[in-house]
Amino acid sequence: MAESNDGFENVRVQYPPILTTAQVAELLDLNTRTVLTMAKDGRLPASRLEGSRKFHFLLEDVIDTLKSNRVTPESTPSA
């Protein structure tokens, strides 16, 4: 379920609950081929109906993936 005040409120307003590859690419500022590759190798959760070549992405899965892959600055050793 969506967390309130998690910083993604505007994303939830701008995008529908089920996204196309093009919408995910726009949201993440990636090329559509990159999104397809990430869906195929499991880095980005996606669904595909049997017999279809088209991927569908749940907005909350994309948001959860972003939240779980946050980059934190590495601490630099003191000299």
C-alpha atoms as a PDB file:
ATOM      1  CA  MET A   1       0.000   0.000   0.000  1.00  0.00           C
ATOM      2  CA  ALA A   2       1.156   3.544  -0.677  1.00  0.00           C
ATOM      3  CA  GLU A   3       2.991   5.303   2.120  1.00  0.00           C
ATOM      4  CA  SER A   4       1.785   8.788   2.817  1.00  0.00           C
ATOM      5  CA  ASN A   5       4.456  11.493   2.786  1.00  0.00           C
ATOM      6  CA  ASP A   6       7.073   9.227   1.199  1.00  0.00           C
ATOM      7  CA  GLY A   7       7.969  11.857  -1.412  1.00  0.00           C
ATOM      8  CA  PHE A   8       6.184  10.156  -4.308  1.00  0.00           C
ATOM      9  CA  GLU A   9       2.792  11.853  -4.008  1.00  0.00           C
ATOM     10  CA  ASN A  10       3.283  13.873  -7.221  1.00  0.00           C
ATOM     11  CA  VAL A  11       4.268  10.734  -9.124  1.00  0.00           C
ATOM     12  CA  ARG A  12       1.098   8.997  -7.977  1.00  0.00           C
ATOM     13  CA  VAL A  13      -0.974  11.948  -9.194  1.00  0.00           C
ATOM     14  CA  GLN A  14       0.763  12.166 -12.590  1.00  0.00           C
ATOM     15  CA  TYR A  15       0.814   8.459 -13.512  1.00  0.00           C
ATOM     16  CA  PRO A  16      -1.870   5.748 -13.620  1.00  0.00           C
ATOM     17  CA  PRO A  17      -1.612   2.645 -11.392  1.00  0.00           C
ATOM     18  CA  ILE A  18      -0.596   0.435 -14.351  1.00  0.00           C
ATOM     19  CA  LEU A  19       2.159   1.766 -16.602  1.00  0.00           C
ATOM     20  CA  THR A  20       3.384   1.004 -20.098  1.00  0.00           C
ATOM     21  CA  THR A  21       7.052   0.626 -20.950  1.00  0.00           C
ATOM     22  CA  ALA A  22       7.066   4.141 -22.399  1.00  0.00           C
ATOM     23  CA  GLN A  23       5.566   5.609 -19.219  1.00  0.00           C
ATOM     24  CA  VAL A  24       8.149   3.852 -17.038  1.00  0.00           C
ATOM     25  CA  ALA A  25      10.918   5.091 -19.325  1.00  0.00           C
ATOM     26  CA  GLU A  26       9.594   8.642 -18.990  1.00  0.00           C
ATOM     27  CA  LEU A  27       9.213   8.360 -15.217  1.00  0.00           C
ATOM     28  CA  LEU A  28      12.729   6.986 -14.724  1.00  0.00           C
ATOM     29  CA  ASP A  29      14.312   9.084 -17.500  1.00  0.00           C
ATOM     30  CA  LEU A  30      15.530   5.943 -19.270  1.00  0.00           C
ATOM     31  CA  ASN A  31      15.394   4.617 -22.803  1.00  0.00           C
ATOM     32  CA  THR A  32      12.521   2.195 -23.456  1.00  0.00           C
ATOM     33  CA  ARG A  33      15.037  -0.503 -24.435  1.00  0.00           C
ATOM     34  CA  THR A  34      16.704  -0.128 -21.042  1.00  0.00           C
ATOM     35  CA  VAL A  35      13.339  -0.535 -19.304  1.00  0.00           C
ATOM     36  CA  LEU A  36      12.628  -3.675 -21.364  1.00  0.00           C
ATOM     37  CA  THR A  37      16.045  -5.097 -20.501  1.00  0.00           C
ATOM     38  CA  MET A  38      15.513  -4.375 -16.813  1.00  0.00           C
ATOM     39  CA  ALA A  39      12.090  -6.045 -16.927  1.00  0.00           C
ATOM     40  CA  LYS A  40      13.464  -9.113 -18.697  1.00  0.00           C
ATOM     41  CA  ASP A  41      16.348  -9.599 -16.244  1.00  0.00           C
ATOM     42  CA  GLY A  42      14.197  -8.944 -13.170  1.00  0.00           C
ATOM     43  CA  ARG A  43      15.663  -5.638 -12.013  1.00  0.00           C
ATOM     44  CA  LEU A  44      12.309  -3.965 -12.610  1.00  0.00           C
ATOM     45  CA  PRO A  45       9.134  -5.883 -11.641  1.00  0.00           C
ATOM     46  CA  ALA A  46       6.785  -6.339 -14.583  1.00  0.00           C
ATOM     47  CA  SER A  47       3.918  -8.490 -15.788  1.00  0.00           C
ATOM     48  CA  ARG A  48       3.225  -9.847 -19.234  1.00  0.00           C
ATOM     49  CA  LEU A  49       0.118 -11.653 -20.354  1.00  0.00           C
ATOM     50  CA  GLU A  50       0.677 -15.078 -21.854  1.00  0.00           C
ATOM     51  CA  GLY A  51       1.237 -14.798 -25.582  1.00  0.00           C
ATOM     52  CA  SER A  52       1.887 -11.078 -25.389  1.00  0.00           C
ATOM     53  CA  ARG A  53       5.142  -9.237 -25.941  1.00  0.00           C
ATOM     54  CA  LYS A  54       3.957  -6.158 -24.055  1.00  0.00           C
ATOM     55  CA  PHE A  55       5.053  -5.550 -20.450  1.00  0.00           C
ATOM     56  CA  HIS A  56       2.893  -3.840 -17.824  1.00  0.00           C
ATOM     57  CA  PHE A  57       4.313  -2.251 -14.689  1.00  0.00           C
ATOM     58  CA  LEU A  58       2.553  -1.456 -11.430  1.00  0.00           C
ATOM     59  CA  LEU A  59       3.331   2.094 -10.359  1.00  0.00           C
ATOM     60  CA  GLU A  60       3.741   1.032  -6.732  1.00  0.00           C
ATOM     61  CA  ASP A  61       6.267  -1.660  -7.787  1.00  0.00           C
ATOM     62  CA  VAL A  62       8.303   0.964  -9.634  1.00  0.00           C
ATOM     63  CA  ILE A  63       8.171   3.281  -6.615  1.00  0.00           C
ATOM     64  CA  ASP A  64       9.129   0.418  -4.273  1.00  0.00           C
ATOM     65  CA  THR A  65      12.058  -0.447  -6.552  1.00  0.00           C
ATOM     66  CA  LEU A  66      13.254   3.152  -6.441  1.00  0.00           C
ATOM     67  CA  LYS A  67      12.963   3.244  -2.656  1.00  0.00           C
ATOM     68  CA  SER A  68      14.808  -0.050  -2.184  1.00  0.00           C
ATOM     69  CA  ASN A  69      17.703   0.990  -4.436  1.00  0.00           C
ATOM     70  CA  ARG A  70      18.571   4.340  -2.883  1.00  0.00           C
ATOM     71  CA  VAL A  71      22.202   5.351  -3.169  1.00  0.00           C
ATOM     72  CA  THR A  72      23.831   6.531   0.009  1.00  0.00           C
ATOM     73  CA  PRO A  73      27.117   8.426   0.061  1.00  0.00           C
ATOM     74  CA  GLU A  74      30.099   6.337   0.984  1.00  0.00           C
ATOM     75  CA  SER A  75      31.957   7.495   4.045  1.00  0.00           C
ATOM     76  CA  THR A  76      35.514   8.563   3.305  1.00  0.00           C
ATOM     77  CA  PRO A  77      38.213   7.352   5.666  1.00  0.00           C
ATOM     78  CA  SER A  78      39.862  10.057   7.755  1.00  0.00           C
ATOM     79  CA  ALA A  79      43.483  10.725   6.881  1.00  0.00           C
END
